């Protein structure tokens, strides 16, 4: 530790000052926390620990006996415990992810509703209906164009399959699954 302090004092004086005075600006805020922690430690060691220590010793002896008799059983119990804990953690992570995804979807939905309401407020009901009609017409036109392109491609593939039926009935043809 002295080597670190000497190195910091010689080569990095700003880091040395930070290292030496780290708690001084925050000491007024941390002192009540220290008091609560030390009080809790006192009560745990004074009142709780004397009652838990005998139970710990008994349980420790029972576990060591069980592991001495059949270590395979202990390994299975530990494996089951690890599996249970890992499944609980995975479930907790899944719930957290689903919460955030659901919240994002709800936020996007309510933002869209709010923006739609603001748009109607700004443009008026009649003009908004005309604008929405234009947007729906455009989307229907795009969908019709997609249907037309898809049907054209499907017809080309069907014609190609009729022209080139494949080598024979035993496979290596279209749709044979190989």
N, C-alpha and C. Protein backbone atom coordinates (compact mmCIF):
# COMPACT_ATOMS: atom_id res chain seq x y z
N UNK A 1 0.82 -1.19 0.00
CA UNK A 1 0.00 0.00 0.00
C UNK A 1 0.87 1.25 0.00
N UNK A 2 2.00 1.18 0.71
CA UNK A 2 2.89 2.34 0.72
C UNK A 2 3.48 2.60 -0.66
N UNK A 3 3.72 1.52 -1.40
CA UNK A 3 4.26 1.68 -2.75
C UNK A 3 3.26 2.41 -3.62
N UNK A 4 1.98 2.05 -3.49
CA UNK A 4 0.93 2.72 -4.26
C UNK A 4 0.83 4.20 -3.89
N UNK A 5 0.88 4.50 -2.59
CA UNK A 5 0.79 5.89 -2.16
C UNK A 5 1.99 6.69 -2.65
N UNK A 6 3.18 6.10 -2.59
CA UNK A 6 4.37 6.81 -3.08
C UNK A 6 4.27 7.05 -4.58
N UNK A 7 3.84 6.04 -5.32
CA UNK A 7 3.70 6.19 -6.77
C UNK A 7 2.69 7.27 -7.11
N UNK A 8 1.53 7.26 -6.42
CA UNK A 8 0.52 8.27 -6.68
C UNK A 8 1.01 9.66 -6.31
N UNK A 9 1.71 9.78 -5.17
CA UNK A 9 2.19 11.10 -4.74
C UNK A 9 3.23 11.65 -5.70
N UNK A 10 4.08 10.78 -6.25
CA UNK A 10 5.16 11.25 -7.13
C UNK A 10 4.68 11.53 -8.54
N UNK A 11 3.88 10.62 -9.09
CA UNK A 11 3.57 10.71 -10.52
C UNK A 11 2.17 11.23 -10.85
N UNK A 12 1.23 11.01 -9.95
CA UNK A 12 -0.14 11.45 -10.20
C UNK A 12 -0.67 12.21 -8.98
N UNK A 13 -0.30 13.48 -8.83
CA UNK A 13 -0.69 14.20 -7.62
C UNK A 13 -2.21 14.39 -7.50
N UNK A 14 -2.92 14.53 -8.62
CA UNK A 14 -4.38 14.69 -8.53
C UNK A 14 -5.02 13.41 -8.02
N UNK A 15 -4.53 12.26 -8.51
CA UNK A 15 -5.07 10.99 -8.02
C UNK A 15 -4.71 10.78 -6.55
N UNK A 16 -3.52 11.22 -6.14
CA UNK A 16 -3.13 11.08 -4.74
C UNK A 16 -4.05 11.91 -3.84
N UNK A 17 -4.37 13.14 -4.26
CA UNK A 17 -5.28 13.97 -3.47
C UNK A 17 -6.67 13.33 -3.39
N UNK A 18 -7.14 12.78 -4.50
CA UNK A 18 -8.43 12.11 -4.48
C UNK A 18 -8.40 10.90 -3.55
N UNK A 19 -7.29 10.13 -3.60
CA UNK A 19 -7.15 8.95 -2.76
C UNK A 19 -7.11 9.32 -1.28
N UNK A 20 -6.44 10.42 -0.96
CA UNK A 20 -6.30 10.82 0.43
C UNK A 20 -7.58 11.47 0.97
N UNK A 21 -8.32 12.18 0.16
CA UNK A 21 -9.48 12.95 0.62
C UNK A 21 -10.79 12.40 0.06
N UNK A 22 -10.88 11.11 -0.17
CA UNK A 22 -12.04 10.55 -0.85
C UNK A 22 -13.31 10.74 -0.04
N UNK A 23 -13.26 10.46 1.25
CA UNK A 23 -14.48 10.50 2.05
C UNK A 23 -14.74 11.85 2.69
N UNK A 24 -13.79 12.75 2.67
CA UNK A 24 -13.99 14.01 3.39
C UNK A 24 -15.16 14.83 2.86
N UNK A 25 -15.40 14.99 1.55
CA UNK A 25 -16.56 15.80 1.15
C UNK A 25 -17.90 15.10 1.40
N UNK A 26 -17.87 13.76 1.50
CA UNK A 26 -19.11 13.01 1.65
C UNK A 26 -19.32 12.49 3.07
N UNK A 27 -18.43 12.85 3.95
CA UNK A 27 -18.49 12.27 5.29
C UNK A 27 -19.77 12.67 6.02
N UNK A 28 -20.24 13.87 5.82
CA UNK A 28 -21.46 14.30 6.50
C UNK A 28 -22.67 13.48 6.04
N UNK A 29 -22.65 13.06 4.79
CA UNK A 29 -23.77 12.27 4.28
C UNK A 29 -23.65 10.79 4.64
N UNK A 30 -22.42 10.30 4.77
CA UNK A 30 -22.21 8.89 5.04
C UNK A 30 -22.24 8.54 6.52
N UNK A 31 -22.05 9.52 7.39
CA UNK A 31 -22.01 9.22 8.82
C UNK A 31 -23.31 8.61 9.34
N UNK A 32 -24.50 9.11 8.98
CA UNK A 32 -25.73 8.43 9.44
C UNK A 32 -25.84 7.00 8.90
N UNK A 33 -25.39 6.79 7.68
CA UNK A 33 -25.41 5.45 7.13
C UNK A 33 -24.50 4.52 7.93
N UNK A 34 -23.32 5.00 8.27
CA UNK A 34 -22.42 4.20 9.11
C UNK A 34 -23.08 3.87 10.45
N UNK A 35 -23.75 4.87 11.03
CA UNK A 35 -24.38 4.65 12.32
C UNK A 35 -25.44 3.54 12.22
N UNK A 36 -26.28 3.59 11.16
CA UNK A 36 -27.30 2.56 11.00
C UNK A 36 -26.69 1.18 10.74
N UNK A 37 -25.63 1.14 9.93
CA UNK A 37 -25.00 -0.14 9.65
C UNK A 37 -24.36 -0.74 10.91
N UNK A 38 -23.67 0.09 11.68
CA UNK A 38 -23.03 -0.43 12.88
C UNK A 38 -24.06 -0.84 13.93
N UNK A 39 -25.18 -0.10 14.01
CA UNK A 39 -26.24 -0.48 14.94
C UNK A 39 -26.86 -1.80 14.53
N UNK A 40 -27.11 -1.97 13.24
CA UNK A 40 -27.66 -3.25 12.75
C UNK A 40 -26.68 -4.38 13.01
N UNK A 41 -25.40 -4.13 12.79
CA UNK A 41 -24.40 -5.16 13.04
C UNK A 41 -24.37 -5.53 14.53
N UNK A 42 -24.47 -4.54 15.38
CA UNK A 42 -24.47 -4.80 16.83
C UNK A 42 -25.66 -5.69 17.22
N UNK A 43 -26.86 -5.34 16.73
CA UNK A 43 -28.04 -6.13 17.09
C UNK A 43 -27.98 -7.54 16.50
N UNK A 44 -27.47 -7.67 15.29
CA UNK A 44 -27.38 -9.01 14.70
C UNK A 44 -26.42 -9.87 15.51
N UNK A 45 -25.23 -9.33 15.82
CA UNK A 45 -24.27 -10.12 16.59
C UNK A 45 -24.72 -10.35 18.02
N UNK A 46 -25.44 -9.42 18.58
CA UNK A 46 -25.83 -9.53 19.97
C UNK A 46 -27.06 -10.42 20.17
N UNK A 47 -28.08 -10.29 19.29
CA UNK A 47 -29.35 -10.96 19.54
C UNK A 47 -29.67 -12.08 18.56
N UNK A 48 -29.30 -11.93 17.29
CA UNK A 48 -29.69 -12.92 16.29
C UNK A 48 -28.65 -14.03 16.17
N UNK A 49 -27.39 -13.68 16.12
CA UNK A 49 -26.33 -14.66 15.91
C UNK A 49 -26.29 -15.76 16.96
N UNK A 50 -26.47 -15.47 18.26
CA UNK A 50 -26.44 -16.56 19.24
C UNK A 50 -27.51 -17.62 19.00
N UNK A 51 -28.65 -17.25 18.41
CA UNK A 51 -29.69 -18.24 18.15
C UNK A 51 -29.47 -18.97 16.83
N UNK A 52 -28.84 -18.33 15.88
CA UNK A 52 -28.61 -18.97 14.60
C UNK A 52 -27.38 -19.88 14.60
N UNK A 53 -26.40 -19.58 15.44
CA UNK A 53 -25.17 -20.36 15.43
C UNK A 53 -25.41 -21.84 15.76
N UNK A 54 -26.17 -22.20 16.80
CA UNK A 54 -26.42 -23.63 17.06
C UNK A 54 -27.16 -24.31 15.90
N UNK A 55 -28.11 -23.63 15.31
CA UNK A 55 -28.83 -24.22 14.18
C UNK A 55 -27.87 -24.43 13.01
N UNK A 56 -26.97 -23.49 12.80
CA UNK A 56 -25.99 -23.63 11.73
C UNK A 56 -25.08 -24.82 12.00
N UNK A 57 -24.62 -24.97 13.22
CA UNK A 57 -23.72 -26.09 13.56
C UNK A 57 -24.43 -27.43 13.35
N UNK A 58 -25.70 -27.53 13.81
CA UNK A 58 -26.44 -28.79 13.65
C UNK A 58 -26.65 -29.10 12.18
N UNK A 59 -27.07 -28.12 11.43
CA UNK A 59 -27.30 -28.31 10.01
C UNK A 59 -26.01 -28.65 9.28
N UNK A 60 -24.92 -28.02 9.66
CA UNK A 60 -23.63 -28.30 9.04
C UNK A 60 -23.21 -29.75 9.30
N UNK A 61 -23.41 -30.23 10.53
CA UNK A 61 -23.07 -31.63 10.85
C UNK A 61 -23.93 -32.60 10.06
N UNK A 62 -25.23 -32.30 9.94
CA UNK A 62 -26.12 -33.19 9.19
C UNK A 62 -25.73 -33.25 7.72
N UNK A 63 -25.40 -32.11 7.14
CA UNK A 63 -25.01 -32.08 5.74
C UNK A 63 -23.70 -32.80 5.52
N UNK A 64 -22.75 -32.60 6.42
CA UNK A 64 -21.46 -33.29 6.27
C UNK A 64 -21.62 -34.79 6.43
N UNK A 65 -22.52 -35.24 7.32
CA UNK A 65 -22.79 -36.68 7.46
C UNK A 65 -23.43 -37.23 6.20
N UNK A 66 -24.41 -36.50 5.66
CA UNK A 66 -25.10 -36.97 4.46
C UNK A 66 -24.14 -37.01 3.28
N UNK A 67 -23.24 -36.06 3.20
CA UNK A 67 -22.29 -36.06 2.10
C UNK A 67 -21.23 -37.13 2.30
N UNK A 68 -20.93 -37.45 3.52
CA UNK A 68 -19.96 -38.52 3.78
C UNK A 68 -20.54 -39.89 3.46
N UNK A 69 -21.82 -40.09 3.68
CA UNK A 69 -22.44 -41.39 3.40
C UNK A 69 -22.61 -41.62 1.91
N UNK A 70 -23.17 -40.65 1.22
CA UNK A 70 -23.40 -40.82 -0.22
C UNK A 70 -23.17 -39.48 -0.93
N UNK A 71 -21.98 -39.33 -1.45
CA UNK A 71 -21.71 -38.06 -2.14
C UNK A 71 -22.55 -37.88 -3.40
N UNK A 72 -23.01 -38.97 -4.00
CA UNK A 72 -23.86 -38.84 -5.18
C UNK A 72 -25.18 -38.16 -4.84
N UNK A 73 -25.73 -38.48 -3.70
CA UNK A 73 -26.98 -37.85 -3.28
C UNK A 73 -26.78 -36.35 -3.07
N UNK A 74 -25.66 -35.99 -2.46
CA UNK A 74 -25.37 -34.57 -2.25
C UNK A 74 -25.20 -33.85 -3.58
N UNK A 75 -24.54 -34.50 -4.53
CA UNK A 75 -24.36 -33.87 -5.85
C UNK A 75 -25.70 -33.68 -6.54
N UNK A 76 -26.60 -34.66 -6.41
CA UNK A 76 -27.92 -34.54 -7.02
C UNK A 76 -28.71 -33.42 -6.36
N UNK A 77 -28.62 -33.32 -5.03
CA UNK A 77 -29.34 -32.26 -4.32
C UNK A 77 -28.80 -30.89 -4.72
N UNK A 78 -27.48 -30.77 -4.81
CA UNK A 78 -26.89 -29.50 -5.21
C UNK A 78 -27.26 -29.17 -6.65
N UNK A 79 -27.25 -30.17 -7.52
CA UNK A 79 -27.65 -29.94 -8.90
C UNK A 79 -29.10 -29.49 -8.99
N UNK A 80 -29.98 -30.13 -8.21
CA UNK A 80 -31.39 -29.73 -8.21
C UNK A 80 -31.54 -28.31 -7.68
N UNK A 81 -30.79 -27.96 -6.65
CA UNK A 81 -30.85 -26.62 -6.10
C UNK A 81 -30.36 -25.59 -7.12
N UNK A 82 -29.27 -25.87 -7.80
CA UNK A 82 -28.75 -24.95 -8.82
C UNK A 82 -29.75 -24.83 -9.97
N UNK A 83 -30.35 -25.95 -10.37
CA UNK A 83 -31.34 -25.91 -11.43
C UNK A 83 -32.55 -25.08 -11.02
N UNK A 84 -33.02 -25.24 -9.81
CA UNK A 84 -34.16 -24.48 -9.31
C UNK A 84 -33.85 -22.99 -9.29
N UNK A 85 -32.68 -22.64 -8.77
CA UNK A 85 -32.31 -21.23 -8.68
C UNK A 85 -32.14 -20.63 -10.08
N UNK A 86 -31.52 -21.38 -10.99
CA UNK A 86 -31.33 -20.85 -12.34
C UNK A 86 -32.67 -20.68 -13.06
N UNK A 87 -33.60 -21.62 -12.86
CA UNK A 87 -34.92 -21.46 -13.47
C UNK A 87 -35.67 -20.26 -12.89
N UNK A 88 -35.51 -20.05 -11.60
CA UNK A 88 -36.14 -18.86 -11.00
C UNK A 88 -35.55 -17.58 -11.58
N UNK A 89 -34.23 -17.55 -11.75
CA UNK A 89 -33.59 -16.36 -12.32
C UNK A 89 -34.02 -16.16 -13.77
N UNK A 90 -34.10 -17.23 -14.54
CA UNK A 90 -34.54 -17.10 -15.92
C UNK A 90 -35.99 -16.61 -15.99
N UNK A 91 -36.83 -17.10 -15.10
CA UNK A 91 -38.22 -16.64 -15.08
C UNK A 91 -38.27 -15.15 -14.72
N UNK A 92 -37.43 -14.74 -13.78
CA UNK A 92 -37.40 -13.34 -13.40
C UNK A 92 -36.92 -12.48 -14.58
N UNK A 93 -35.91 -12.94 -15.30
CA UNK A 93 -35.44 -12.18 -16.46
C UNK A 93 -36.51 -12.14 -17.56
N UNK A 94 -37.21 -13.26 -17.77
CA UNK A 94 -38.27 -13.28 -18.77
C UNK A 94 -39.36 -12.29 -18.43
N UNK A 95 -39.74 -12.23 -17.14
CA UNK A 95 -40.77 -11.28 -16.74
C UNK A 95 -40.30 -9.85 -16.93
N UNK A 96 -39.02 -9.58 -16.63
CA UNK A 96 -38.50 -8.23 -16.83
C UNK A 96 -38.50 -7.85 -18.30
N UNK A 97 -38.07 -8.77 -19.15
CA UNK A 97 -38.04 -8.48 -20.59
C UNK A 97 -39.45 -8.25 -21.10
N UNK A 98 -40.39 -9.10 -20.70
CA UNK A 98 -41.77 -8.93 -21.15
C UNK A 98 -42.36 -7.62 -20.64
N UNK A 99 -42.00 -7.22 -19.43
CA UNK A 99 -42.48 -5.95 -18.90
C UNK A 99 -42.00 -4.79 -19.77
N UNK A 100 -40.69 -4.78 -20.09
CA UNK A 100 -40.16 -3.67 -20.87
C UNK A 100 -40.68 -3.68 -22.30
N UNK A 101 -40.83 -4.86 -22.89
CA UNK A 101 -41.38 -4.92 -24.25
C UNK A 101 -42.82 -4.44 -24.25
N UNK A 102 -43.61 -4.91 -23.29
CA UNK A 102 -45.00 -4.48 -23.21
C UNK A 102 -45.09 -2.98 -22.95
N UNK A 103 -44.23 -2.47 -22.08
CA UNK A 103 -44.25 -1.05 -21.82
C UNK A 103 -43.88 -0.25 -23.07
N UNK A 104 -42.90 -0.74 -23.83
CA UNK A 104 -42.53 -0.06 -25.07
C UNK A 104 -43.67 -0.06 -26.08
N UNK A 105 -44.36 -1.19 -26.20
CA UNK A 105 -45.48 -1.26 -27.13
C UNK A 105 -46.60 -0.32 -26.69
N UNK A 106 -46.90 -0.33 -25.40
CA UNK A 106 -47.95 0.57 -24.89
C UNK A 106 -47.56 2.03 -25.09
N UNK A 107 -46.30 2.33 -24.82
CA UNK A 107 -45.84 3.70 -25.01
C UNK A 107 -45.97 4.13 -26.48
N UNK A 108 -45.58 3.23 -27.40
CA UNK A 108 -45.71 3.55 -28.82
C UNK A 108 -47.17 3.71 -29.22
N UNK A 109 -48.03 2.83 -28.71
CA UNK A 109 -49.45 2.91 -29.05
C UNK A 109 -50.07 4.21 -28.54
N UNK A 110 -49.84 4.53 -27.27
CA UNK A 110 -50.44 5.74 -26.71
C UNK A 110 -49.82 7.00 -27.30
N UNK A 111 -48.55 6.92 -27.68
CA UNK A 111 -47.94 8.07 -28.37
C UNK A 111 -48.59 8.28 -29.73
N UNK A 112 -48.86 7.17 -30.44
CA UNK A 112 -49.53 7.29 -31.74
C UNK A 112 -50.94 7.85 -31.58
N UNK A 113 -51.66 7.40 -30.54
CA UNK A 113 -53.00 7.93 -30.30
C UNK A 113 -52.94 9.42 -29.97
N UNK A 114 -51.98 9.80 -29.16
CA UNK A 114 -51.82 11.21 -28.82
C UNK A 114 -51.45 12.05 -30.02
N UNK A 115 -50.52 11.56 -30.84
CA UNK A 115 -50.14 12.30 -32.04
C UNK A 115 -51.30 12.38 -33.03
N UNK A 116 -52.07 11.32 -33.14
CA UNK A 116 -53.25 11.34 -34.01
C UNK A 116 -54.26 12.38 -33.53
N UNK A 117 -54.49 12.41 -32.22
CA UNK A 117 -55.39 13.42 -31.66
C UNK A 117 -54.87 14.82 -31.88
N UNK A 118 -53.56 15.01 -31.72
CA UNK A 118 -52.97 16.33 -31.94
C UNK A 118 -53.09 16.73 -33.41
N UNK A 119 -52.92 15.76 -34.32
CA UNK A 119 -53.05 16.04 -35.74
C UNK A 119 -54.48 16.46 -36.08
N UNK A 120 -55.45 15.74 -35.52
CA UNK A 120 -56.85 16.10 -35.77
C UNK A 120 -57.14 17.48 -35.17
N UNK A 121 -56.60 17.78 -34.02
CA UNK A 121 -56.80 19.07 -33.40
C UNK A 121 -56.22 20.19 -34.26
N UNK A 122 -55.04 19.95 -34.84
CA UNK A 122 -54.38 20.98 -35.65
C UNK A 122 -55.07 21.18 -37.00
N UNK A 123 -55.45 20.10 -37.67
CA UNK A 123 -55.97 20.19 -39.04
C UNK A 123 -57.49 20.32 -39.10
N UNK A 124 -58.17 19.94 -38.07
CA UNK A 124 -59.63 19.94 -38.12
C UNK A 124 -60.14 18.57 -38.52
N UNK A 125 -61.40 18.29 -38.18
CA UNK A 125 -61.95 16.96 -38.41
C UNK A 125 -62.12 16.70 -39.90
N UNK A 126 -62.68 17.64 -40.64
CA UNK A 126 -62.94 17.42 -42.07
C UNK A 126 -61.65 17.20 -42.86
N UNK A 127 -60.67 18.07 -42.65
CA UNK A 127 -59.40 17.93 -43.37
C UNK A 127 -58.67 16.65 -42.95
N UNK A 128 -58.78 16.26 -41.68
CA UNK A 128 -58.14 15.03 -41.21
C UNK A 128 -58.76 13.81 -41.88
N UNK A 129 -60.09 13.81 -42.03
CA UNK A 129 -60.75 12.69 -42.70
C UNK A 129 -60.29 12.60 -44.15
N UNK A 130 -60.17 13.73 -44.82
CA UNK A 130 -59.66 13.71 -46.19
C UNK A 130 -58.23 13.17 -46.25
N UNK A 131 -57.38 13.62 -45.32
CA UNK A 131 -55.98 13.15 -45.30
C UNK A 131 -55.90 11.66 -45.04
N UNK A 132 -56.70 11.17 -44.09
CA UNK A 132 -56.68 9.74 -43.78
C UNK A 132 -57.22 8.92 -44.95
N UNK A 133 -58.22 9.45 -45.65
CA UNK A 133 -58.72 8.78 -46.85
C UNK A 133 -57.65 8.68 -47.91
N UNK A 134 -56.89 9.76 -48.10
CA UNK A 134 -55.80 9.73 -49.08
C UNK A 134 -54.76 8.68 -48.70
N UNK A 135 -54.38 8.63 -47.39
CA UNK A 135 -53.38 7.66 -46.92
C UNK A 135 -53.89 6.24 -47.13
N UNK A 136 -55.16 5.98 -46.79
CA UNK A 136 -55.71 4.63 -46.98
C UNK A 136 -55.76 4.26 -48.46
N UNK A 137 -56.11 5.21 -49.32
CA UNK A 137 -56.11 4.94 -50.77
C UNK A 137 -54.72 4.62 -51.27
N UNK A 138 -53.72 5.36 -50.78
CA UNK A 138 -52.34 5.10 -51.20
C UNK A 138 -51.90 3.71 -50.75
N UNK A 139 -52.22 3.35 -49.49
CA UNK A 139 -51.85 2.02 -49.00
C UNK A 139 -52.56 0.92 -49.77
N UNK A 140 -53.83 1.13 -50.12
CA UNK A 140 -54.55 0.13 -50.92
C UNK A 140 -53.90 0.00 -52.29
N UNK A 141 -53.46 1.10 -52.88
CA UNK A 141 -52.79 1.06 -54.18
C UNK A 141 -51.48 0.30 -54.10
N UNK A 142 -50.73 0.54 -53.03
CA UNK A 142 -49.47 -0.18 -52.84
C UNK A 142 -49.75 -1.67 -52.66
N UNK A 143 -50.79 -2.02 -51.92
CA UNK A 143 -51.13 -3.42 -51.73
C UNK A 143 -51.55 -4.08 -53.03
N UNK A 144 -52.32 -3.37 -53.84
CA UNK A 144 -52.72 -3.91 -55.14
C UNK A 144 -51.50 -4.13 -56.04
N UNK A 145 -50.56 -3.20 -56.00
CA UNK A 145 -49.33 -3.35 -56.78
C UNK A 145 -48.55 -4.58 -56.32
N UNK A 146 -48.48 -4.79 -55.00
CA UNK A 146 -47.80 -5.97 -54.47
C UNK A 146 -48.49 -7.26 -54.90
N UNK A 147 -49.83 -7.26 -54.87
CA UNK A 147 -50.57 -8.44 -55.33
C UNK A 147 -50.29 -8.71 -56.81
N UNK A 148 -50.27 -7.65 -57.62
CA UNK A 148 -50.02 -7.82 -59.05
C UNK A 148 -48.63 -8.39 -59.30
N UNK A 149 -47.63 -7.87 -58.59
CA UNK A 149 -46.25 -8.37 -58.76
C UNK A 149 -46.16 -9.82 -58.28
N UNK A 150 -46.81 -10.13 -57.15
CA UNK A 150 -46.78 -11.50 -56.63
C UNK A 150 -47.45 -12.48 -57.57
N UNK A 151 -48.58 -12.09 -58.15
CA UNK A 151 -49.27 -12.98 -59.09
C UNK A 151 -48.44 -13.18 -60.35
N UNK A 152 -47.76 -12.14 -60.80
CA UNK A 152 -46.90 -12.28 -61.98
C UNK A 152 -45.77 -13.26 -61.70
N UNK A 153 -45.14 -13.14 -60.56
CA UNK A 153 -44.05 -14.07 -60.20
C UNK A 153 -44.58 -15.49 -60.07
N UNK A 154 -45.76 -15.66 -59.48
CA UNK A 154 -46.33 -16.99 -59.33
C UNK A 154 -46.63 -17.61 -60.69
N UNK A 155 -47.17 -16.82 -61.61
CA UNK A 155 -47.44 -17.34 -62.95
C UNK A 155 -46.15 -17.75 -63.66
N UNK A 156 -45.08 -16.95 -63.50
CA UNK A 156 -43.80 -17.29 -64.13
C UNK A 156 -43.25 -18.60 -63.57
N UNK A 157 -43.36 -18.78 -62.25
CA UNK A 157 -42.84 -20.01 -61.64
C UNK A 157 -43.66 -21.21 -62.09
N UNK A 158 -44.98 -21.06 -62.20
CA UNK A 158 -45.82 -22.16 -62.65
C UNK A 158 -45.49 -22.52 -64.10
N UNK A 159 -45.29 -21.52 -64.93
CA UNK A 159 -44.95 -21.79 -66.33
C UNK A 159 -43.58 -22.44 -66.42
N UNK A 160 -42.64 -22.01 -65.58
CA UNK A 160 -41.31 -22.61 -65.57
C UNK A 160 -41.38 -24.06 -65.12
N UNK A 161 -42.23 -24.35 -64.15
CA UNK A 161 -42.37 -25.73 -63.67
C UNK A 161 -43.02 -26.61 -64.74
N UNK A 162 -43.92 -26.07 -65.54
CA UNK A 162 -44.53 -26.85 -66.63
C UNK A 162 -43.53 -27.11 -67.74
N UNK A 163 -42.67 -26.14 -68.02
CA UNK A 163 -41.68 -26.33 -69.09
C UNK A 163 -40.57 -27.28 -68.68
N UNK A 164 -40.14 -27.22 -67.41
CA UNK A 164 -39.04 -28.07 -66.92
C UNK A 164 -39.57 -28.97 -65.81
N UNK A 165 -40.16 -30.09 -66.13
CA UNK A 165 -40.78 -30.91 -65.09
C UNK A 165 -39.79 -31.62 -64.19
N UNK A 166 -38.55 -31.79 -64.56
CA UNK A 166 -37.57 -32.46 -63.72
C UNK A 166 -37.16 -33.79 -64.32
N UNK A 167 -36.22 -34.51 -63.71
CA UNK A 167 -35.68 -35.72 -64.31
C UNK A 167 -36.63 -36.92 -64.28
N UNK A 168 -37.53 -36.99 -63.35
CA UNK A 168 -38.39 -38.17 -63.35
C UNK A 168 -39.22 -38.26 -62.10
N UNK A 169 -39.98 -39.34 -61.94
CA UNK A 169 -40.90 -39.46 -60.81
C UNK A 169 -40.22 -39.83 -59.50
N UNK A 170 -38.91 -40.20 -59.50
CA UNK A 170 -38.29 -40.70 -58.29
C UNK A 170 -37.71 -39.61 -57.40
N UNK A 171 -37.81 -38.37 -57.75
CA UNK A 171 -37.28 -37.32 -56.89
C UNK A 171 -36.44 -36.34 -57.66
N UNK A 172 -35.80 -35.48 -56.97
CA UNK A 172 -34.99 -34.41 -57.53
C UNK A 172 -35.83 -33.49 -58.41
N UNK A 173 -37.10 -33.39 -58.09
CA UNK A 173 -37.96 -32.45 -58.80
C UNK A 173 -38.39 -31.40 -57.80
N UNK A 174 -39.10 -30.45 -58.27
CA UNK A 174 -39.58 -29.40 -57.37
C UNK A 174 -40.58 -29.97 -56.41
N UNK A 175 -40.38 -29.68 -55.16
CA UNK A 175 -41.31 -30.12 -54.13
C UNK A 175 -41.04 -31.54 -53.66
N UNK A 176 -39.92 -32.15 -54.06
CA UNK A 176 -39.66 -33.51 -53.61
C UNK A 176 -39.13 -33.56 -52.19
N UNK A 177 -38.67 -32.45 -51.68
CA UNK A 177 -38.21 -32.40 -50.30
C UNK A 177 -36.76 -32.71 -50.12
N UNK A 178 -36.01 -32.95 -51.22
CA UNK A 178 -34.59 -33.26 -51.07
C UNK A 178 -33.74 -32.09 -51.42
